[in-house]
């Protein structure tokens, strides 16, 4: 199927031609698509010659139905789009592990805490949840452009920047919590660890312990 005819093919499918016969006219299709009647006639002929549709012209209009080939082509487009959209929101599966105990300190520093709360639009719990993940899965999850929290300097010391990704925690059916997956620019964590910041104390809210399994869906 020519790419330029895909929009018309989708319109015909919506009108019932995918699994039956849809009665249409070039004038009605022209109105809906913005193409001229001549262009619609040409596109219908092309779809028919490609084996995508079959046509039955009568005094009542044009009966259009998809062939097995045409349905297969649309199904291929469907799977390609589904794969692309699933890539936009990858799911990162992880195992809860104990951290170094520094999360509460760093998250509560005003320079970080205010930034986290601005991104999520909610108050933030002073602490992080550490997840052990596959390094390749973490790399894919963090491949999207991050929200960067700039580093800053206080009277005591300089603090590094943080990359953050908005996500949803999927712990069990019907239970979703908005959160941030974060990677500090300066960190001792290996490539199989990612930290999570959320409005709630996640271990208590979700009944988590070391070894618990949760997933993060990027939004």
C-alpha atoms as a PDB file:
ATOM      1  CA  UNK A   1       0.000   0.000   0.000  1.00  0.00           C
ATOM      2  CA  UNK A   2       1.309   3.447  -0.891  1.00  0.00           C
ATOM      3  CA  UNK A   3       1.936   5.568   2.188  1.00  0.00           C
ATOM      4  CA  UNK A   4      -0.125   8.390   0.677  1.00  0.00           C
ATOM      5  CA  UNK A   5      -3.172   6.097   0.595  1.00  0.00           C
ATOM      6  CA  UNK A   6      -2.958   4.979   4.226  1.00  0.00           C
ATOM      7  CA  UNK A   7      -5.206   7.763   5.558  1.00  0.00           C
ATOM      8  CA  UNK A   8      -7.970   6.821   3.110  1.00  0.00           C
ATOM      9  CA  UNK A   9      -7.562   3.130   3.937  1.00  0.00           C
ATOM     10  CA  UNK A  10      -7.959   3.897   7.650  1.00  0.00           C
ATOM     11  CA  UNK A  11     -11.081   5.939   6.949  1.00  0.00           C
ATOM     12  CA  UNK A  12     -12.586   3.080   4.967  1.00  0.00           C
ATOM     13  CA  UNK A  13     -11.761   0.681   7.804  1.00  0.00           C
ATOM     14  CA  UNK A  14     -13.555   2.968  10.286  1.00  0.00           C
ATOM     15  CA  UNK A  15     -16.599   2.968   8.030  1.00  0.00           C
ATOM     16  CA  UNK A  16     -16.876  -0.806   8.305  1.00  0.00           C
ATOM     17  CA  UNK A  17     -14.944  -2.002   5.275  1.00  0.00           C
ATOM     18  CA  UNK A  18     -12.409  -3.960   7.337  1.00  0.00           C
ATOM     19  CA  UNK A  19     -14.668  -6.970   7.940  1.00  0.00           C
ATOM     20  CA  UNK A  20     -17.650  -6.135   5.751  1.00  0.00           C
ATOM     21  CA  UNK A  21     -18.751  -3.924   2.882  1.00  0.00           C
ATOM     22  CA  UNK A  22     -18.972  -0.159   3.417  1.00  0.00           C
ATOM     23  CA  UNK A  23     -21.143   1.864   1.048  1.00  0.00           C
ATOM     24  CA  UNK A  24     -19.377   5.141   0.255  1.00  0.00           C
ATOM     25  CA  UNK A  25     -19.269   7.864  -2.373  1.00  0.00           C
ATOM     26  CA  UNK A  26     -16.380   9.894  -3.729  1.00  0.00           C
ATOM     27  CA  UNK A  27     -18.139  13.103  -2.699  1.00  0.00           C
ATOM     28  CA  UNK A  28     -18.569  12.030   0.940  1.00  0.00           C
ATOM     29  CA  UNK A  29     -14.977  10.782   1.131  1.00  0.00           C
ATOM     30  CA  UNK A  30     -13.742  14.015  -0.438  1.00  0.00           C
ATOM     31  CA  UNK A  31     -15.569  16.024   2.217  1.00  0.00           C
ATOM     32  CA  UNK A  32     -14.066  13.974   5.040  1.00  0.00           C
ATOM     33  CA  UNK A  33     -10.500  13.952   3.748  1.00  0.00           C
ATOM     34  CA  UNK A  34     -10.150  17.302   2.010  1.00  0.00           C
ATOM     35  CA  UNK A  35      -9.090  15.614  -1.234  1.00  0.00           C
ATOM     36  CA  UNK A  36     -10.885  16.268  -4.511  1.00  0.00           C
ATOM     37  CA  UNK A  37     -13.327  13.673  -5.851  1.00  0.00           C
ATOM     38  CA  UNK A  38     -10.873  12.996  -8.669  1.00  0.00           C
ATOM     39  CA  UNK A  39      -8.120  12.250  -6.137  1.00  0.00           C
ATOM     40  CA  UNK A  40     -10.418   9.958  -4.164  1.00  0.00           C
ATOM     41  CA  UNK A  41     -11.339   8.045  -7.339  1.00  0.00           C
ATOM     42  CA  UNK A  42      -7.661   7.643  -8.178  1.00  0.00           C
ATOM     43  CA  UNK A  43      -6.752   6.474  -4.694  1.00  0.00           C
ATOM     44  CA  UNK A  44      -9.590   3.925  -4.660  1.00  0.00           C
ATOM     45  CA  UNK A  45      -8.391   2.556  -7.976  1.00  0.00           C
ATOM     46  CA  UNK A  46      -4.839   2.328  -6.663  1.00  0.00           C
ATOM     47  CA  UNK A  47      -5.945   0.532  -3.490  1.00  0.00           C
ATOM     48  CA  UNK A  48      -7.888  -1.898  -5.637  1.00  0.00           C
ATOM     49  CA  UNK A  49      -5.023  -2.490  -8.075  1.00  0.00           C
ATOM     50  CA  UNK A  50      -2.670  -3.134  -5.145  1.00  0.00           C
ATOM     51  CA  UNK A  51      -5.042  -5.795  -3.868  1.00  0.00           C
ATOM     52  CA  UNK A  52      -5.836  -3.864  -0.681  1.00  0.00           C
ATOM     53  CA  UNK A  53      -9.579  -3.467  -1.304  1.00  0.00           C
ATOM     54  CA  UNK A  54     -12.286  -4.728  -3.623  1.00  0.00           C
ATOM     55  CA  UNK A  55     -14.885  -2.369  -5.107  1.00  0.00           C
ATOM     56  CA  UNK A  56     -18.448  -2.893  -6.208  1.00  0.00           C
ATOM     57  CA  UNK A  57     -19.838   0.133  -8.072  1.00  0.00           C
ATOM     58  CA  UNK A  58     -23.624   0.452  -8.259  1.00  0.00           C
ATOM     59  CA  UNK A  59     -26.312   3.124  -8.505  1.00  0.00           C
ATOM     60  CA  UNK A  60     -26.385   3.276  -4.698  1.00  0.00           C
ATOM     61  CA  UNK A  61     -22.684   4.109  -4.398  1.00  0.00           C
ATOM     62  CA  UNK A  62     -19.392   2.265  -4.109  1.00  0.00           C
ATOM     63  CA  UNK A  63     -19.276  -0.878  -2.007  1.00  0.00           C
ATOM     64  CA  UNK A  64     -15.786  -1.203  -0.537  1.00  0.00           C
ATOM     65  CA  UNK A  65     -14.362  -4.106   1.454  1.00  0.00           C
ATOM     66  CA  UNK A  66     -10.838  -5.020   2.464  1.00  0.00           C
ATOM     67  CA  UNK A  67      -9.205  -8.120   1.057  1.00  0.00           C
ATOM     68  CA  UNK A  68      -7.212 -10.511   3.228  1.00  0.00           C
ATOM     69  CA  UNK A  69      -4.094  -8.795   1.910  1.00  0.00           C
ATOM     70  CA  UNK A  70      -5.412  -5.376   2.863  1.00  0.00           C
ATOM     71  CA  UNK A  71      -6.327  -6.485   6.366  1.00  0.00           C
ATOM     72  CA  UNK A  72      -2.857  -7.968   6.734  1.00  0.00           C
ATOM     73  CA  UNK A  73      -1.251  -4.679   5.733  1.00  0.00           C
ATOM     74  CA  UNK A  74      -3.278  -2.701   8.262  1.00  0.00           C
ATOM     75  CA  UNK A  75      -2.465  -5.270  10.929  1.00  0.00           C
ATOM     76  CA  UNK A  76       1.246  -4.830  10.177  1.00  0.00           C
ATOM     77  CA  UNK A  77       0.897  -1.054  10.596  1.00  0.00           C
ATOM     78  CA  UNK A  78      -0.929  -1.689  13.878  1.00  0.00           C
ATOM     79  CA  UNK A  79       1.868  -3.846  15.286  1.00  0.00           C
ATOM     80  CA  UNK A  80       4.552  -1.377  14.176  1.00  0.00           C
ATOM     81  CA  UNK A  81       2.758   1.519  15.886  1.00  0.00           C
ATOM     82  CA  UNK A  82       2.137  -0.542  19.014  1.00  0.00           C
ATOM     83  CA  UNK A  83       5.844  -1.366  19.214  1.00  0.00           C
ATOM     84  CA  UNK A  84       6.816   2.284  18.743  1.00  0.00           C
ATOM     85  CA  UNK A  85       4.461   3.492  21.471  1.00  0.00           C
ATOM     86  CA  UNK A  86       5.626   0.793  23.865  1.00  0.00           C
ATOM     87  CA  UNK A  87       9.190   1.994  23.271  1.00  0.00           C
ATOM     88  CA  UNK A  88       8.120   5.513  24.352  1.00  0.00           C
ATOM     89  CA  UNK A  89       7.098   4.178  27.744  1.00  0.00           C
ATOM     90  CA  UNK A  90       9.511   1.418  28.663  1.00  0.00           C
ATOM     91  CA  UNK A  91       8.953  -0.474  31.877  1.00  0.00           C
ATOM     92  CA  UNK A  92      11.922  -0.995  34.181  1.00  0.00           C
ATOM     93  CA  UNK A  93      11.638  -4.001  36.501  1.00  0.00           C
ATOM     94  CA  UNK A  94      13.620  -3.876  39.711  1.00  0.00           C
ATOM     95  CA  UNK A  95      14.273  -5.496  43.072  1.00  0.00           C
ATOM     96  CA  UNK A  96      14.221  -3.422  46.250  1.00  0.00           C
ATOM     97  CA  UNK A  97      17.618  -3.293  47.960  1.00  0.00           C
ATOM     98  CA  UNK A  98      19.039  -1.377  50.911  1.00  0.00           C
ATOM     99  CA  UNK A  99      20.944   1.781  50.068  1.00  0.00           C
ATOM    100  CA  UNK A 100      23.809   3.582  51.718  1.00  0.00           C
ATOM    101  CA  UNK A 101      21.494   5.504  54.027  1.00  0.00           C
ATOM    102  CA  UNK A 102      22.296   8.840  52.401  1.00  0.00           C
ATOM    103  CA  UNK A 103      19.004   9.306  50.526  1.00  0.00           C
ATOM    104  CA  UNK A 104      17.165  11.029  53.365  1.00  0.00           C
ATOM    105  CA  UNK A 105      19.967  13.535  53.810  1.00  0.00           C
ATOM    106  CA  UNK A 106      20.305  14.478  50.153  1.00  0.00           C
ATOM    107  CA  UNK A 107      16.599  14.568  49.261  1.00  0.00           C
ATOM    108  CA  UNK A 108      15.887  16.905  52.187  1.00  0.00           C
ATOM    109  CA  UNK A 109      18.491  19.453  51.118  1.00  0.00           C
ATOM    110  CA  UNK A 110      16.343  22.431  49.970  1.00  0.00           C
ATOM    111  CA  UNK A 111      18.132  22.767  46.637  1.00  0.00           C
ATOM    112  CA  UNK A 112      17.132  19.227  45.678  1.00  0.00           C
ATOM    113  CA  UNK A 113      13.823  18.921  47.543  1.00  0.00           C
ATOM    114  CA  UNK A 114      12.311  22.056  45.966  1.00  0.00           C
ATOM    115  CA  UNK A 115      13.323  20.863  42.499  1.00  0.00           C
ATOM    116  CA  UNK A 116      11.786  17.407  43.020  1.00  0.00           C
ATOM    117  CA  UNK A 117       8.564  18.950  44.336  1.00  0.00           C
ATOM    118  CA  UNK A 118       8.390  21.386  41.422  1.00  0.00           C
ATOM    119  CA  UNK A 119       8.662  18.521  38.918  1.00  0.00           C
ATOM    120  CA  UNK A 120       6.079  16.291  40.610  1.00  0.00           C
ATOM    121  CA  UNK A 121       3.852  19.060  41.932  1.00  0.00           C
ATOM    122  CA  UNK A 122       3.727  17.327  45.324  1.00  0.00           C
ATOM    123  CA  UNK A 123       5.610  17.261  48.615  1.00  0.00           C
ATOM    124  CA  UNK A 124       8.428  14.738  48.628  1.00  0.00           C
ATOM    125  CA  UNK A 125       9.287  12.129  51.258  1.00  0.00           C
ATOM    126  CA  UNK A 126      12.834  12.591  52.552  1.00  0.00           C
ATOM    127  CA  UNK A 127      14.401   9.408  51.330  1.00  0.00           C
ATOM    128  CA  UNK A 128      14.951   7.292  48.246  1.00  0.00           C
ATOM    129  CA  UNK A 129      14.061   3.742  47.279  1.00  0.00           C
ATOM    130  CA  UNK A 130      16.942   1.840  45.726  1.00  0.00           C
ATOM    131  CA  UNK A 131      16.202  -0.663  42.985  1.00  0.00           C
ATOM    132  CA  UNK A 132      18.542  -3.267  41.571  1.00  0.00           C
ATOM    133  CA  UNK A 133      17.944  -3.551  37.819  1.00  0.00           C
ATOM    134  CA  UNK A 134      19.547  -4.942  34.699  1.00  0.00           C
ATOM    135  CA  UNK A 135      22.157  -2.414  33.484  1.00  0.00           C
ATOM    136  CA  UNK A 136      20.944  -2.704  29.875  1.00  0.00           C
ATOM    137  CA  UNK A 137      17.336  -2.141  30.995  1.00  0.00           C
ATOM    138  CA  UNK A 138      18.399   0.924  32.999  1.00  0.00           C
ATOM    139  CA  UNK A 139      20.234   2.269  29.967  1.00  0.00           C
ATOM    140  CA  UNK A 140      17.106   1.891  27.828  1.00  0.00           C
ATOM    141  CA  UNK A 141      14.857   3.427  30.495  1.00  0.00           C
ATOM    142  CA  UNK A 142      17.148   6.450  30.858  1.00  0.00           C
ATOM    143  CA  UNK A 143      17.738   6.869  27.127  1.00  0.00           C
ATOM    144  CA  UNK A 144      15.016   9.551  26.926  1.00  0.00           C
ATOM    145  CA  UNK A 145      16.038  13.140  27.567  1.00  0.00           C
ATOM    146  CA  UNK A 146      16.117  13.640  31.354  1.00  0.00           C
ATOM    147  CA  UNK A 147      14.862  16.521  33.444  1.00  0.00           C
ATOM    148  CA  UNK A 148      18.149  17.907  34.717  1.00  0.00           C
ATOM    149  CA  UNK A 149      18.398  19.389  38.190  1.00  0.00           C
ATOM    150  CA  UNK A 150      21.418  21.665  38.230  1.00  0.00           C
ATOM    151  CA  UNK A 151      24.042  21.408  40.898  1.00  0.00           C
ATOM    152  CA  UNK A 152      24.464  24.195  43.451  1.00  0.00           C
ATOM    153  CA  UNK A 153      26.813  25.462  46.138  1.00  0.00           C
ATOM    154  CA  UNK A 154      26.077  26.144  49.808  1.00  0.00           C
ATOM    155  CA  UNK A 155      28.338  27.595  52.492  1.00  0.00           C
ATOM    156  CA  UNK A 156      29.416  24.093  53.400  1.00  0.00           C
ATOM    157  CA  UNK A 157      29.996  22.389  50.039  1.00  0.00           C
ATOM    158  CA  UNK A 158      29.123  21.939  46.376  1.00  0.00           C
ATOM    159  CA  UNK A 159      26.363  19.544  45.332  1.00  0.00           C
ATOM    160  CA  UNK A 160      26.270  17.883  41.918  1.00  0.00           C
ATOM    161  CA  UNK A 161      23.441  17.797  39.415  1.00  0.00           C
ATOM    162  CA  UNK A 162      20.826  15.066  39.076  1.00  0.00           C
ATOM    163  CA  UNK A 163      19.083  13.586  36.045  1.00  0.00           C
ATOM    164  CA  UNK A 164      15.430  12.690  36.657  1.00  0.00           C
ATOM    165  CA  UNK A 165      12.696  10.882  34.723  1.00  0.00           C
ATOM    166  CA  UNK A 166       9.009  11.100  35.639  1.00  0.00           C
ATOM    167  CA  UNK A 167       7.549   7.642  36.094  1.00  0.00           C
ATOM    168  CA  UNK A 168       4.735   5.631  37.601  1.00  0.00           C
ATOM    169  CA  UNK A 169       5.413   2.887  40.131  1.00  0.00           C
ATOM    170  CA  UNK A 170       3.555  -0.318  39.285  1.00  0.00           C
ATOM    171  CA  UNK A 171       3.650  -2.515  42.398  1.00  0.00           C
ATOM    172  CA  UNK A 172       0.402  -4.456  42.062  1.00  0.00           C
ATOM    173  CA  UNK A 173      -2.840  -4.218  40.010  1.00  0.00           C
ATOM    174  CA  UNK A 174      -4.697  -0.970  40.619  1.00  0.00           C
ATOM    175  CA  UNK A 175      -1.862   0.572  42.638  1.00  0.00           C
ATOM    176  CA  UNK A 176       0.058   3.341  40.863  1.00  0.00           C
ATOM    177  CA  UNK A 177       2.169   6.091  42.401  1.00  0.00           C
ATOM    178  CA  UNK A 178       3.762   9.053  40.631  1.00  0.00           C
ATOM    179  CA  UNK A 179       7.501   9.214  41.221  1.00  0.00           C
ATOM    180  CA  UNK A 180      10.879  10.229  39.856  1.00  0.00           C
ATOM    181  CA  UNK A 181      13.645   7.855  38.858  1.00  0.00           C
ATOM    182  CA  UNK A 182      16.915   9.654  39.495  1.00  0.00           C
ATOM    183  CA  UNK A 183      20.595   9.275  38.687  1.00  0.00           C
ATOM    184  CA  UNK A 184      22.902  11.706  40.518  1.00  0.00           C
ATOM    185  CA  UNK A 185      25.800  12.979  38.419  1.00  0.00           C
ATOM    186  CA  UNK A 186      28.059  12.091  41.336  1.00  0.00           C
ATOM    187  CA  UNK A 187      27.242   8.646  42.666  1.00  0.00           C
ATOM    188  CA  UNK A 188      28.865   5.543  44.080  1.00  0.00           C
ATOM    189  CA  UNK A 189      26.069   3.361  42.715  1.00  0.00           C
ATOM    190  CA  UNK A 190      26.975   0.816  40.018  1.00  0.00           C
ATOM    191  CA  UNK A 191      25.151   0.590  36.675  1.00  0.00           C
ATOM    192  CA  UNK A 192      22.584  -1.861  38.066  1.00  0.00           C
ATOM    193  CA  UNK A 193      21.132   0.562  40.657  1.00  0.00           C
ATOM    194  CA  UNK A 194      18.595   3.355  40.212  1.00  0.00           C
ATOM    195  CA  UNK A 195      17.008   5.517  42.922  1.00  0.00           C
ATOM    196  CA  UNK A 196      13.356   6.513  43.202  1.00  0.00           C
ATOM    197  CA  UNK A 197      11.929   9.634  44.829  1.00  0.00           C
ATOM    198  CA  UNK A 198       8.201   9.825  45.652  1.00  0.00           C
ATOM    199  CA  UNK A 199       5.683  11.748  47.772  1.00  0.00           C
ATOM    200  CA  UNK A 200       5.294   8.776  50.135  1.00  0.00           C
ATOM    201  CA  UNK A 201       7.632   6.508  52.064  1.00  0.00           C
ATOM    202  CA  UNK A 202       7.415   3.715  49.512  1.00  0.00           C
ATOM    203  CA  UNK A 203       8.545   0.859  51.738  1.00  0.00           C
ATOM    204  CA  UNK A 204       5.743   1.608  54.198  1.00  0.00           C
ATOM    205  CA  UNK A 205       3.111   2.668  51.630  1.00  0.00           C
ATOM    206  CA  UNK A 206       3.541  -0.414  49.463  1.00  0.00           C
ATOM    207  CA  UNK A 207       4.684  -2.876  52.127  1.00  0.00           C
ATOM    208  CA  UNK A 208       8.085  -3.306  50.495  1.00  0.00           C
ATOM    209  CA  UNK A 209      11.158  -5.007  51.880  1.00  0.00           C
ATOM    210  CA  UNK A 210      14.504  -5.995  50.445  1.00  0.00           C
ATOM    211  CA  UNK A 211      13.783  -8.473  47.682  1.00  0.00           C
ATOM    212  CA  UNK A 212      10.355  -7.029  46.793  1.00  0.00           C
ATOM    213  CA  UNK A 213       9.681  -6.630  43.065  1.00  0.00           C
ATOM    214  CA  UNK A 214       8.260  -3.451  41.523  1.00  0.00           C
ATOM    215  CA  UNK A 215       8.253  -1.864  38.081  1.00  0.00           C
ATOM    216  CA  UNK A 216       8.649   1.704  36.879  1.00  0.00           C
ATOM    217  CA  UNK A 217       6.814   2.950  33.783  1.00  0.00           C
ATOM    218  CA  UNK A 218       8.279   6.114  32.280  1.00  0.00           C
ATOM    219  CA  UNK A 219       5.745   8.863  31.551  1.00  0.00           C
END
